């Protein structure tokens, strides 16, 4: 008769996500995971596979939890530039006290070796979703006369996506919040926002 599992895999995955988010993949050892998650090594492997497989599941969980908020904000009806401003303000805001600093996707991109195709694919999908949502929003903005008729929505979306990821990186450094704030103001001026 098989033993009943004594832990909730969903809760364990949530804790694993937060540990990887805080420490990164390389700095998180199996011993760290066993201690932090409160499960045995054998149970960890039996439930989640290797450390890398657990990291991929944790990264997927992070993306599923955080990407929809941004996509929903950009898909809201009405003027687009205030939504983009709110999005940039969100990237400038300090994280909640119980959240690790930074963005797990950005952290993964900075840490990921070039040959880790599974992680790189997830990063590309996350950033691709953001870029697509920004492009759609900017096409609406163009149709509504918020940005010039000749503006290249896809190019502006790429610019904003790269800017926002850079804001995540620089915002966590000394003096980074001011730099990121100045960049956000310039981005809004580039879009023609009267509130910049």
N, C-alpha and C. Protein backbone atom coordinates (compact mmCIF):
# COMPACT_ATOMS: atom_id res chain seq x y z
N UNK A 1 0.84 -1.19 0.00
CA UNK A 1 0.00 0.00 0.00
C UNK A 1 0.88 1.25 0.00
N UNK A 2 0.59 2.18 -0.91
CA UNK A 2 1.40 3.40 -1.03
C UNK A 2 1.17 4.30 0.17
N UNK A 3 2.23 4.97 0.62
CA UNK A 3 2.12 5.91 1.73
C UNK A 3 1.39 7.16 1.27
N UNK A 4 0.55 7.70 2.14
CA UNK A 4 -0.14 8.95 1.85
C UNK A 4 0.87 10.10 1.91
N UNK A 5 0.83 10.97 0.92
CA UNK A 5 1.73 12.12 0.92
C UNK A 5 1.39 13.02 2.11
N UNK A 6 2.41 13.46 2.82
CA UNK A 6 2.21 14.21 4.06
C UNK A 6 2.37 15.72 3.86
N UNK A 7 2.35 16.18 2.63
CA UNK A 7 2.48 17.61 2.38
C UNK A 7 1.66 17.97 1.16
N UNK A 8 1.35 19.24 1.04
CA UNK A 8 0.59 19.75 -0.09
C UNK A 8 1.58 20.22 -1.15
N UNK A 9 1.67 19.53 -2.30
CA UNK A 9 2.65 19.93 -3.33
C UNK A 9 2.49 21.37 -3.80
N UNK A 10 1.25 21.87 -3.79
CA UNK A 10 1.02 23.24 -4.22
C UNK A 10 1.65 24.24 -3.25
N UNK A 11 1.50 23.99 -1.96
CA UNK A 11 2.12 24.86 -0.96
C UNK A 11 3.64 24.76 -1.00
N UNK A 12 4.14 23.56 -1.21
CA UNK A 12 5.59 23.37 -1.30
C UNK A 12 6.15 24.10 -2.52
N UNK A 13 5.43 24.02 -3.63
CA UNK A 13 5.88 24.72 -4.84
C UNK A 13 5.88 26.23 -4.62
N UNK A 14 4.88 26.74 -3.92
CA UNK A 14 4.84 28.18 -3.61
C UNK A 14 6.07 28.58 -2.79
N UNK A 15 6.42 27.78 -1.79
CA UNK A 15 7.59 28.09 -0.96
C UNK A 15 8.88 27.98 -1.77
N UNK A 16 8.93 26.98 -2.65
CA UNK A 16 10.11 26.82 -3.51
C UNK A 16 10.26 28.02 -4.44
N UNK A 17 9.14 28.50 -4.99
CA UNK A 17 9.17 29.67 -5.87
C UNK A 17 9.76 30.87 -5.13
N UNK A 18 9.30 31.08 -3.91
CA UNK A 18 9.77 32.24 -3.15
C UNK A 18 11.25 32.11 -2.80
N UNK A 19 11.71 30.89 -2.53
CA UNK A 19 13.13 30.70 -2.21
C UNK A 19 14.00 30.94 -3.45
N UNK A 20 13.60 30.38 -4.58
CA UNK A 20 14.35 30.61 -5.83
C UNK A 20 14.31 32.10 -6.20
N UNK A 21 13.19 32.74 -6.00
CA UNK A 21 13.03 34.17 -6.30
C UNK A 21 13.98 34.98 -5.44
N UNK A 22 14.12 34.60 -4.18
CA UNK A 22 14.99 35.32 -3.25
C UNK A 22 16.47 35.07 -3.52
N UNK A 23 16.84 33.81 -3.73
CA UNK A 23 18.26 33.44 -3.80
C UNK A 23 18.78 33.20 -5.22
N UNK A 24 17.88 32.92 -6.15
CA UNK A 24 18.32 32.53 -7.48
C UNK A 24 18.53 31.03 -7.56
N UNK A 25 18.72 30.55 -8.77
CA UNK A 25 18.86 29.11 -8.99
C UNK A 25 20.19 28.59 -8.44
N UNK A 26 21.28 29.21 -8.84
CA UNK A 26 22.60 28.69 -8.48
C UNK A 26 22.86 28.71 -6.98
N UNK A 27 22.42 29.75 -6.31
CA UNK A 27 22.70 29.90 -4.88
C UNK A 27 21.77 29.07 -4.00
N UNK A 28 20.77 28.43 -4.59
CA UNK A 28 19.84 27.60 -3.84
C UNK A 28 20.27 26.14 -3.98
N UNK A 29 20.70 25.56 -2.89
CA UNK A 29 21.15 24.16 -2.91
C UNK A 29 19.97 23.24 -2.60
N UNK A 30 20.16 21.96 -2.87
CA UNK A 30 19.15 20.97 -2.50
C UNK A 30 18.95 20.99 -0.99
N UNK A 31 20.04 21.14 -0.23
CA UNK A 31 19.92 21.22 1.23
C UNK A 31 19.06 22.42 1.64
N UNK A 32 19.25 23.57 0.96
CA UNK A 32 18.41 24.75 1.23
C UNK A 32 16.94 24.43 0.99
N UNK A 33 16.68 23.75 -0.11
CA UNK A 33 15.30 23.41 -0.47
C UNK A 33 14.69 22.47 0.57
N UNK A 34 15.42 21.43 0.93
CA UNK A 34 14.92 20.46 1.91
C UNK A 34 14.60 21.16 3.22
N UNK A 35 15.51 22.02 3.66
CA UNK A 35 15.30 22.72 4.93
C UNK A 35 14.13 23.71 4.83
N UNK A 36 14.11 24.50 3.78
CA UNK A 36 13.08 25.55 3.63
C UNK A 36 11.70 24.96 3.38
N UNK A 37 11.64 23.87 2.62
CA UNK A 37 10.35 23.30 2.25
C UNK A 37 9.82 22.35 3.31
N UNK A 38 10.71 21.86 4.17
CA UNK A 38 10.27 20.97 5.23
C UNK A 38 9.88 19.59 4.75
N UNK A 39 10.46 19.14 3.65
CA UNK A 39 10.21 17.77 3.18
C UNK A 39 11.54 17.08 2.94
N UNK A 40 11.52 15.78 2.93
CA UNK A 40 12.74 15.00 2.73
C UNK A 40 13.23 15.08 1.29
N UNK A 41 14.50 14.80 1.15
CA UNK A 41 15.13 14.81 -0.18
C UNK A 41 14.43 13.83 -1.13
N UNK A 42 14.13 12.63 -0.63
CA UNK A 42 13.48 11.62 -1.48
C UNK A 42 12.10 12.08 -1.93
N UNK A 43 11.35 12.71 -1.01
CA UNK A 43 10.02 13.22 -1.36
C UNK A 43 10.12 14.36 -2.37
N UNK A 44 11.15 15.18 -2.20
CA UNK A 44 11.37 16.29 -3.13
C UNK A 44 11.59 15.77 -4.55
N UNK A 45 12.50 14.79 -4.67
CA UNK A 45 12.78 14.23 -6.00
C UNK A 45 11.58 13.48 -6.56
N UNK A 46 10.88 12.72 -5.70
CA UNK A 46 9.74 11.93 -6.17
C UNK A 46 8.60 12.81 -6.67
N UNK A 47 8.42 13.96 -6.03
CA UNK A 47 7.30 14.84 -6.39
C UNK A 47 7.65 15.81 -7.51
N UNK A 48 8.86 16.38 -7.47
CA UNK A 48 9.19 17.46 -8.40
C UNK A 48 10.30 17.13 -9.38
N UNK A 49 11.00 16.03 -9.18
CA UNK A 49 12.11 15.69 -10.06
C UNK A 49 13.38 16.38 -9.59
N UNK A 50 14.20 16.77 -10.52
CA UNK A 50 15.49 17.39 -10.21
C UNK A 50 15.30 18.82 -9.72
N UNK A 51 16.36 19.39 -9.20
CA UNK A 51 16.34 20.80 -8.79
C UNK A 51 15.96 21.68 -9.99
N UNK A 52 16.47 21.37 -11.15
CA UNK A 52 16.17 22.17 -12.34
C UNK A 52 14.69 22.07 -12.70
N UNK A 53 14.13 20.88 -12.60
CA UNK A 53 12.70 20.71 -12.89
C UNK A 53 11.84 21.48 -11.88
N UNK A 54 12.25 21.47 -10.62
CA UNK A 54 11.54 22.23 -9.60
C UNK A 54 11.64 23.73 -9.90
N UNK A 55 12.82 24.17 -10.31
CA UNK A 55 13.00 25.59 -10.64
C UNK A 55 12.09 25.99 -11.81
N UNK A 56 12.01 25.14 -12.83
CA UNK A 56 11.14 25.45 -13.97
C UNK A 56 9.68 25.55 -13.52
N UNK A 57 9.26 24.63 -12.65
CA UNK A 57 7.88 24.67 -12.14
C UNK A 57 7.66 25.94 -11.32
N UNK A 58 8.66 26.34 -10.54
CA UNK A 58 8.56 27.56 -9.73
C UNK A 58 8.50 28.80 -10.63
N UNK A 59 9.31 28.81 -11.68
CA UNK A 59 9.30 29.94 -12.62
C UNK A 59 7.96 30.02 -13.35
N UNK A 60 7.43 28.86 -13.76
CA UNK A 60 6.10 28.83 -14.38
C UNK A 60 5.05 29.40 -13.44
N UNK A 61 5.14 29.02 -12.17
CA UNK A 61 4.17 29.51 -11.18
C UNK A 61 4.27 31.02 -11.04
N UNK A 62 5.48 31.54 -10.97
CA UNK A 62 5.67 32.99 -10.86
C UNK A 62 5.03 33.70 -12.06
N UNK A 63 5.30 33.21 -13.25
CA UNK A 63 4.77 33.82 -14.47
C UNK A 63 3.24 33.77 -14.47
N UNK A 64 2.67 32.63 -14.08
CA UNK A 64 1.20 32.49 -14.04
C UNK A 64 0.59 33.43 -13.02
N UNK A 65 1.29 33.70 -11.93
CA UNK A 65 0.75 34.59 -10.90
C UNK A 65 0.90 36.06 -11.26
N UNK A 66 1.98 36.44 -11.95
CA UNK A 66 2.28 37.86 -12.13
C UNK A 66 1.95 38.42 -13.51
N UNK A 67 2.05 37.64 -14.56
CA UNK A 67 1.78 38.16 -15.89
C UNK A 67 0.32 38.60 -16.11
N UNK A 68 -0.68 37.85 -15.60
CA UNK A 68 -2.08 38.26 -15.90
C UNK A 68 -2.45 39.65 -15.42
N UNK A 69 -1.89 40.11 -14.31
CA UNK A 69 -2.23 41.45 -13.82
C UNK A 69 -1.85 42.53 -14.83
N UNK A 70 -0.67 42.39 -15.41
CA UNK A 70 -0.20 43.36 -16.40
C UNK A 70 -1.05 43.28 -17.67
N UNK A 71 -1.32 42.07 -18.11
CA UNK A 71 -2.09 41.90 -19.35
C UNK A 71 -3.50 42.44 -19.17
N UNK A 72 -4.09 42.23 -18.00
CA UNK A 72 -5.43 42.74 -17.71
C UNK A 72 -5.45 44.27 -17.70
N UNK A 73 -4.46 44.88 -17.09
CA UNK A 73 -4.38 46.34 -17.05
C UNK A 73 -4.32 46.92 -18.46
N UNK A 74 -3.52 46.32 -19.33
CA UNK A 74 -3.36 46.85 -20.69
C UNK A 74 -4.57 46.58 -21.58
N UNK A 75 -5.39 45.60 -21.21
CA UNK A 75 -6.57 45.26 -22.03
C UNK A 75 -7.82 46.02 -21.61
N UNK A 76 -7.73 46.82 -20.54
CA UNK A 76 -8.91 47.55 -20.07
C UNK A 76 -9.36 48.57 -21.12
N UNK A 77 -10.69 48.72 -21.29
CA UNK A 77 -11.18 49.71 -22.25
C UNK A 77 -10.90 51.13 -21.76
N UNK A 78 -10.96 52.06 -22.70
CA UNK A 78 -10.72 53.46 -22.34
C UNK A 78 -9.35 53.92 -22.78
N UNK A 79 -8.94 55.09 -22.30
CA UNK A 79 -7.63 55.64 -22.70
C UNK A 79 -6.49 54.69 -22.32
N UNK A 80 -5.51 54.61 -23.18
CA UNK A 80 -4.41 53.66 -23.01
C UNK A 80 -3.24 54.28 -22.24
N UNK A 81 -2.91 55.53 -22.52
CA UNK A 81 -1.71 56.11 -21.90
C UNK A 81 -1.79 56.16 -20.37
N UNK A 82 -2.96 56.42 -19.76
CA UNK A 82 -3.01 56.33 -18.29
C UNK A 82 -2.72 54.90 -17.79
N UNK A 83 -3.14 53.89 -18.55
CA UNK A 83 -2.86 52.51 -18.16
C UNK A 83 -1.36 52.23 -18.25
N UNK A 84 -0.72 52.75 -19.29
CA UNK A 84 0.73 52.55 -19.42
C UNK A 84 1.46 53.30 -18.31
N UNK A 85 0.97 54.48 -17.98
CA UNK A 85 1.58 55.22 -16.86
C UNK A 85 1.43 54.43 -15.56
N UNK A 86 0.26 53.85 -15.32
CA UNK A 86 0.03 53.04 -14.12
C UNK A 86 0.95 51.82 -14.11
N UNK A 87 1.15 51.25 -15.29
CA UNK A 87 2.05 50.10 -15.40
C UNK A 87 3.48 50.49 -15.03
N UNK A 88 3.95 51.61 -15.58
CA UNK A 88 5.30 52.09 -15.26
C UNK A 88 5.42 52.45 -13.78
N UNK A 89 4.37 53.07 -13.22
CA UNK A 89 4.37 53.39 -11.79
C UNK A 89 4.48 52.11 -10.96
N UNK A 90 3.81 51.06 -11.42
CA UNK A 90 3.89 49.77 -10.73
C UNK A 90 5.29 49.20 -10.74
N UNK A 91 5.99 49.40 -11.84
CA UNK A 91 7.37 48.92 -11.93
C UNK A 91 8.30 49.75 -11.05
N UNK A 92 7.90 51.00 -10.78
CA UNK A 92 8.70 51.87 -9.92
C UNK A 92 8.43 51.65 -8.43
N UNK A 93 7.24 51.15 -8.11
CA UNK A 93 6.85 51.01 -6.71
C UNK A 93 7.70 49.96 -6.01
N UNK A 94 8.04 50.19 -4.74
CA UNK A 94 8.78 49.17 -4.00
C UNK A 94 7.91 47.93 -3.85
N UNK A 95 8.53 46.75 -3.83
CA UNK A 95 7.73 45.53 -3.71
C UNK A 95 7.10 45.43 -2.32
N UNK A 96 6.02 44.67 -2.19
CA UNK A 96 5.46 44.44 -0.86
C UNK A 96 6.54 43.89 0.08
N UNK A 97 6.39 44.18 1.35
CA UNK A 97 7.43 43.82 2.33
C UNK A 97 7.74 42.33 2.33
N UNK A 98 6.74 41.49 2.05
CA UNK A 98 6.98 40.05 2.11
C UNK A 98 7.44 39.46 0.77
N UNK A 99 7.63 40.30 -0.24
CA UNK A 99 8.13 39.81 -1.54
C UNK A 99 9.64 40.01 -1.63
N UNK A 100 10.32 39.05 -2.23
CA UNK A 100 11.73 39.29 -2.54
C UNK A 100 11.85 40.46 -3.50
N UNK A 101 13.00 41.11 -3.53
CA UNK A 101 13.18 42.24 -4.43
C UNK A 101 13.31 41.76 -5.86
N UNK A 102 12.88 42.62 -6.76
CA UNK A 102 13.06 42.34 -8.18
C UNK A 102 11.97 41.44 -8.74
N UNK A 103 12.18 41.07 -9.97
CA UNK A 103 11.26 40.23 -10.73
C UNK A 103 11.96 38.89 -10.96
N UNK A 104 11.28 37.80 -10.69
CA UNK A 104 11.91 36.49 -10.84
C UNK A 104 12.29 36.22 -12.30
N UNK A 105 11.50 36.71 -13.24
CA UNK A 105 11.82 36.49 -14.66
C UNK A 105 13.10 37.26 -15.02
N UNK A 106 13.20 38.51 -14.58
CA UNK A 106 14.41 39.29 -14.84
C UNK A 106 15.61 38.64 -14.15
N UNK A 107 15.41 38.20 -12.90
CA UNK A 107 16.49 37.52 -12.19
C UNK A 107 16.94 36.28 -12.95
N UNK A 108 15.98 35.53 -13.48
CA UNK A 108 16.30 34.33 -14.26
C UNK A 108 17.08 34.70 -15.52
N UNK A 109 16.69 35.78 -16.18
CA UNK A 109 17.37 36.21 -17.40
C UNK A 109 18.82 36.61 -17.12
N UNK A 110 19.04 37.28 -16.00
CA UNK A 110 20.39 37.72 -15.64
C UNK A 110 21.26 36.52 -15.28
N UNK A 111 20.69 35.55 -14.59
CA UNK A 111 21.46 34.41 -14.09
C UNK A 111 21.60 33.28 -15.10
N UNK A 112 20.66 33.16 -16.02
CA UNK A 112 20.55 31.98 -16.88
C UNK A 112 21.73 31.82 -17.84
N UNK A 113 22.36 30.63 -17.85
CA UNK A 113 23.41 30.39 -18.83
C UNK A 113 22.82 30.29 -20.24
N UNK A 114 23.59 30.61 -21.26
CA UNK A 114 23.06 30.61 -22.63
C UNK A 114 22.50 29.27 -23.09
N UNK A 115 22.99 28.17 -22.51
CA UNK A 115 22.54 26.85 -22.99
C UNK A 115 21.34 26.30 -22.22
N UNK A 116 20.77 27.07 -21.29
CA UNK A 116 19.58 26.61 -20.58
C UNK A 116 18.35 27.03 -21.37
N UNK A 117 18.04 26.24 -22.38
CA UNK A 117 16.97 26.60 -23.32
C UNK A 117 15.59 26.59 -22.66
N UNK A 118 15.38 25.73 -21.67
CA UNK A 118 14.08 25.66 -21.02
C UNK A 118 13.77 26.96 -20.27
N UNK A 119 14.75 27.49 -19.56
CA UNK A 119 14.55 28.76 -18.85
C UNK A 119 14.43 29.90 -19.86
N UNK A 120 15.30 29.94 -20.85
CA UNK A 120 15.26 31.01 -21.85
C UNK A 120 13.92 31.04 -22.59
N UNK A 121 13.35 29.85 -22.85
CA UNK A 121 12.05 29.79 -23.53
C UNK A 121 10.96 30.44 -22.66
N UNK A 122 11.00 30.19 -21.36
CA UNK A 122 10.01 30.79 -20.46
C UNK A 122 10.16 32.30 -20.38
N UNK A 123 11.40 32.76 -20.33
CA UNK A 123 11.65 34.20 -20.31
C UNK A 123 11.10 34.84 -21.58
N UNK A 124 11.40 34.22 -22.72
CA UNK A 124 10.95 34.75 -24.01
C UNK A 124 9.42 34.77 -24.09
N UNK A 125 8.77 33.72 -23.59
CA UNK A 125 7.29 33.69 -23.62
C UNK A 125 6.71 34.78 -22.73
N UNK A 126 7.28 34.98 -21.55
CA UNK A 126 6.78 36.01 -20.65
C UNK A 126 6.95 37.39 -21.26
N UNK A 127 8.15 37.67 -21.75
CA UNK A 127 8.40 38.98 -22.35
C UNK A 127 7.63 39.15 -23.65
N UNK A 128 7.46 38.06 -24.39
CA UNK A 128 6.67 38.11 -25.63
C UNK A 128 5.22 38.44 -25.36
N UNK A 129 4.66 37.88 -24.28
CA UNK A 129 3.27 38.20 -23.91
C UNK A 129 3.12 39.67 -23.56
N UNK A 130 4.09 40.18 -22.81
CA UNK A 130 4.06 41.59 -22.44
C UNK A 130 4.16 42.47 -23.69
N UNK A 131 5.07 42.14 -24.57
CA UNK A 131 5.25 42.92 -25.80
C UNK A 131 3.99 42.90 -26.66
N UNK A 132 3.35 41.74 -26.76
CA UNK A 132 2.10 41.62 -27.54
C UNK A 132 0.99 42.46 -26.92
N UNK A 133 0.88 42.40 -25.58
CA UNK A 133 -0.15 43.19 -24.90
C UNK A 133 0.10 44.68 -25.08
N UNK A 134 1.36 45.09 -24.98
CA UNK A 134 1.71 46.50 -25.20
C UNK A 134 1.41 46.92 -26.63
N UNK A 135 1.72 46.07 -27.59
CA UNK A 135 1.45 46.39 -29.00
C UNK A 135 -0.04 46.59 -29.22
N UNK A 136 -0.86 45.67 -28.68
CA UNK A 136 -2.31 45.80 -28.83
C UNK A 136 -2.82 47.09 -28.20
N UNK A 137 -2.32 47.39 -27.01
CA UNK A 137 -2.74 48.61 -26.32
C UNK A 137 -2.34 49.85 -27.12
N UNK A 138 -1.13 49.84 -27.67
CA UNK A 138 -0.65 51.01 -28.42
C UNK A 138 -1.37 51.15 -29.75
N UNK A 139 -1.80 50.05 -30.34
CA UNK A 139 -2.62 50.14 -31.56
C UNK A 139 -3.95 50.82 -31.22
N UNK A 140 -4.53 50.47 -30.06
CA UNK A 140 -5.75 51.14 -29.62
C UNK A 140 -5.49 52.62 -29.36
N UNK A 141 -4.34 52.90 -28.73
CA UNK A 141 -3.99 54.30 -28.45
C UNK A 141 -3.87 55.09 -29.75
N UNK A 142 -3.28 54.48 -30.76
CA UNK A 142 -3.13 55.15 -32.06
C UNK A 142 -4.51 55.39 -32.69
N UNK A 143 -5.37 54.39 -32.63
CA UNK A 143 -6.72 54.52 -33.20
C UNK A 143 -7.54 55.58 -32.46
N UNK A 144 -7.26 55.75 -31.16
CA UNK A 144 -7.99 56.73 -30.35
C UNK A 144 -7.34 58.11 -30.37
N UNK A 145 -6.26 58.26 -31.14
CA UNK A 145 -5.61 59.56 -31.27
C UNK A 145 -4.73 59.94 -30.08
N UNK A 146 -4.36 58.97 -29.24
CA UNK A 146 -3.51 59.27 -28.08
C UNK A 146 -2.04 59.36 -28.46
N UNK A 147 -1.66 58.66 -29.53
CA UNK A 147 -0.29 58.74 -30.05
C UNK A 147 -0.39 59.05 -31.53
N UNK A 148 0.66 59.58 -32.14
CA UNK A 148 0.58 59.99 -33.54
C UNK A 148 0.16 58.85 -34.47
N UNK A 149 -0.53 59.21 -35.52
CA UNK A 149 -1.04 58.22 -36.48
C UNK A 149 0.07 57.40 -37.11
N UNK A 150 1.25 58.00 -37.26
CA UNK A 150 2.36 57.28 -37.89
C UNK A 150 3.22 56.48 -36.92
N UNK A 151 2.86 56.46 -35.64
CA UNK A 151 3.67 55.77 -34.63
C UNK A 151 3.68 54.26 -34.89
N UNK A 152 4.85 53.65 -34.75
CA UNK A 152 5.00 52.21 -34.92
C UNK A 152 4.71 51.54 -33.58
N UNK A 153 3.51 50.98 -33.45
CA UNK A 153 3.07 50.41 -32.17
C UNK A 153 3.98 49.27 -31.71
N UNK A 154 4.39 48.42 -32.65
CA UNK A 154 5.24 47.28 -32.27
C UNK A 154 6.60 47.75 -31.78
N UNK A 155 7.16 48.75 -32.44
CA UNK A 155 8.47 49.27 -32.03
C UNK A 155 8.38 49.97 -30.67
N UNK A 156 7.32 50.74 -30.45
CA UNK A 156 7.12 51.39 -29.16
C UNK A 156 6.92 50.35 -28.05
N UNK A 157 6.19 49.27 -28.37
CA UNK A 157 5.97 48.20 -27.39
C UNK A 157 7.29 47.55 -26.99
N UNK A 158 8.14 47.30 -27.97
CA UNK A 158 9.46 46.71 -27.69
C UNK A 158 10.28 47.65 -26.82
N UNK A 159 10.23 48.93 -27.12
CA UNK A 159 10.95 49.94 -26.34
C UNK A 159 10.47 49.92 -24.88
N UNK A 160 9.15 49.90 -24.68
CA UNK A 160 8.60 49.90 -23.32
C UNK A 160 8.93 48.61 -22.58
N UNK A 161 8.85 47.48 -23.27
CA UNK A 161 9.14 46.20 -22.64
C UNK A 161 10.59 46.16 -22.17
N UNK A 162 11.52 46.60 -23.01
CA UNK A 162 12.94 46.61 -22.64
C UNK A 162 13.16 47.61 -21.50
N UNK A 163 12.52 48.77 -21.59
CA UNK A 163 12.64 49.77 -20.52
C UNK A 163 12.17 49.20 -19.19
N UNK A 164 11.03 48.54 -19.18
CA UNK A 164 10.48 48.03 -17.93
C UNK A 164 11.37 46.96 -17.31
N UNK A 165 11.95 46.11 -18.14
CA UNK A 165 12.86 45.09 -17.59
C UNK A 165 14.11 45.76 -17.02
N UNK A 166 14.58 46.79 -17.70
CA UNK A 166 15.73 47.55 -17.20
C UNK A 166 15.40 48.28 -15.91
N UNK A 167 14.16 48.75 -15.79
CA UNK A 167 13.73 49.41 -14.56
C UNK A 167 13.79 48.44 -13.39
N UNK A 168 13.44 47.18 -13.63
CA UNK A 168 13.49 46.16 -12.57
C UNK A 168 14.93 45.96 -12.10
N UNK A 169 15.86 45.97 -13.05
CA UNK A 169 17.27 45.74 -12.69
C UNK A 169 17.85 46.95 -11.98
N UNK A 170 17.70 48.12 -12.57
CA UNK A 170 18.32 49.31 -11.98
C UNK A 170 17.61 49.77 -10.72
N UNK A 171 16.30 49.52 -10.63
CA UNK A 171 15.52 49.97 -9.49
C UNK A 171 15.95 49.37 -8.17
N UNK A 172 16.61 48.22 -8.21
CA UNK A 172 17.03 47.57 -6.97
C UNK A 172 18.40 48.02 -6.50
N UNK A 173 19.10 48.83 -7.29
CA UNK A 173 20.43 49.30 -6.93
C UNK A 173 20.36 50.65 -6.22
N UNK A 174 21.45 51.04 -5.58
CA UNK A 174 21.55 52.34 -4.91
C UNK A 174 21.30 53.45 -5.93
N UNK A 175 20.35 54.32 -5.68
CA UNK A 175 20.03 55.41 -6.60
C UNK A 175 19.26 54.96 -7.82
N UNK A 176 18.93 53.68 -7.87
CA UNK A 176 18.26 53.13 -9.05
C UNK A 176 16.83 53.62 -9.22
N UNK A 177 16.15 53.87 -8.11
CA UNK A 177 14.75 54.31 -8.20
C UNK A 177 14.66 55.65 -8.94
N UNK A 178 15.60 56.56 -8.66
CA UNK A 178 15.60 57.86 -9.34
C UNK A 178 15.88 57.67 -10.83
N UNK A 179 16.85 56.84 -11.14
CA UNK A 179 17.17 56.59 -12.56
C UNK A 179 15.98 55.98 -13.29
N UNK A 180 15.36 54.98 -12.66
CA UNK A 180 14.21 54.33 -13.28
C UNK A 180 13.05 55.31 -13.44
N UNK A 181 12.86 56.18 -12.44
CA UNK A 181 11.79 57.18 -12.52
C UNK A 181 12.01 58.16 -13.64
N UNK A 182 13.25 58.62 -13.81
CA UNK A 182 13.57 59.54 -14.91
C UNK A 182 13.33 58.86 -16.26
N UNK A 183 13.69 57.59 -16.36
CA UNK A 183 13.48 56.85 -17.61
C UNK A 183 11.99 56.71 -17.91
N UNK A 184 11.19 56.46 -16.87
CA UNK A 184 9.74 56.33 -17.07
C UNK A 184 9.13 57.64 -17.55
N UNK A 185 9.59 58.76 -16.97
CA UNK A 185 9.10 60.08 -17.40
C UNK A 185 9.42 60.32 -18.87
N UNK A 186 10.64 60.01 -19.26
CA UNK A 186 11.04 60.20 -20.66
C UNK A 186 10.23 59.29 -21.58
N UNK A 187 9.96 58.06 -21.14
CA UNK A 187 9.15 57.14 -21.96
C UNK A 187 7.76 57.71 -22.19
N UNK A 188 7.16 58.26 -21.14
CA UNK A 188 5.83 58.83 -21.29
C UNK A 188 5.84 60.06 -22.20
N UNK A 189 6.91 60.86 -22.10
CA UNK A 189 7.03 62.01 -23.03
C UNK A 189 7.17 61.52 -24.47
N UNK A 190 7.93 60.44 -24.65
CA UNK A 190 8.11 59.87 -25.99
C UNK A 190 6.76 59.44 -26.58
N UNK A 191 5.91 58.90 -25.71
CA UNK A 191 4.58 58.48 -26.17
C UNK A 191 3.63 59.67 -26.36
N UNK A 192 4.01 60.83 -25.81
CA UNK A 192 3.18 62.01 -25.96
C UNK A 192 2.17 62.17 -24.83
N UNK A 193 2.44 61.51 -23.68
CA UNK A 193 1.52 61.63 -22.55
C UNK A 193 1.57 63.04 -21.96
N UNK A 194 0.42 63.70 -21.85
CA UNK A 194 0.40 65.05 -21.28
C UNK A 194 0.67 65.05 -19.76
N UNK A 195 0.59 63.85 -19.14
CA UNK A 195 0.77 63.77 -17.69
C UNK A 195 2.22 63.46 -17.31
N UNK A 196 3.12 63.34 -18.29
CA UNK A 196 4.51 62.99 -17.99
C UNK A 196 5.21 64.13 -17.28
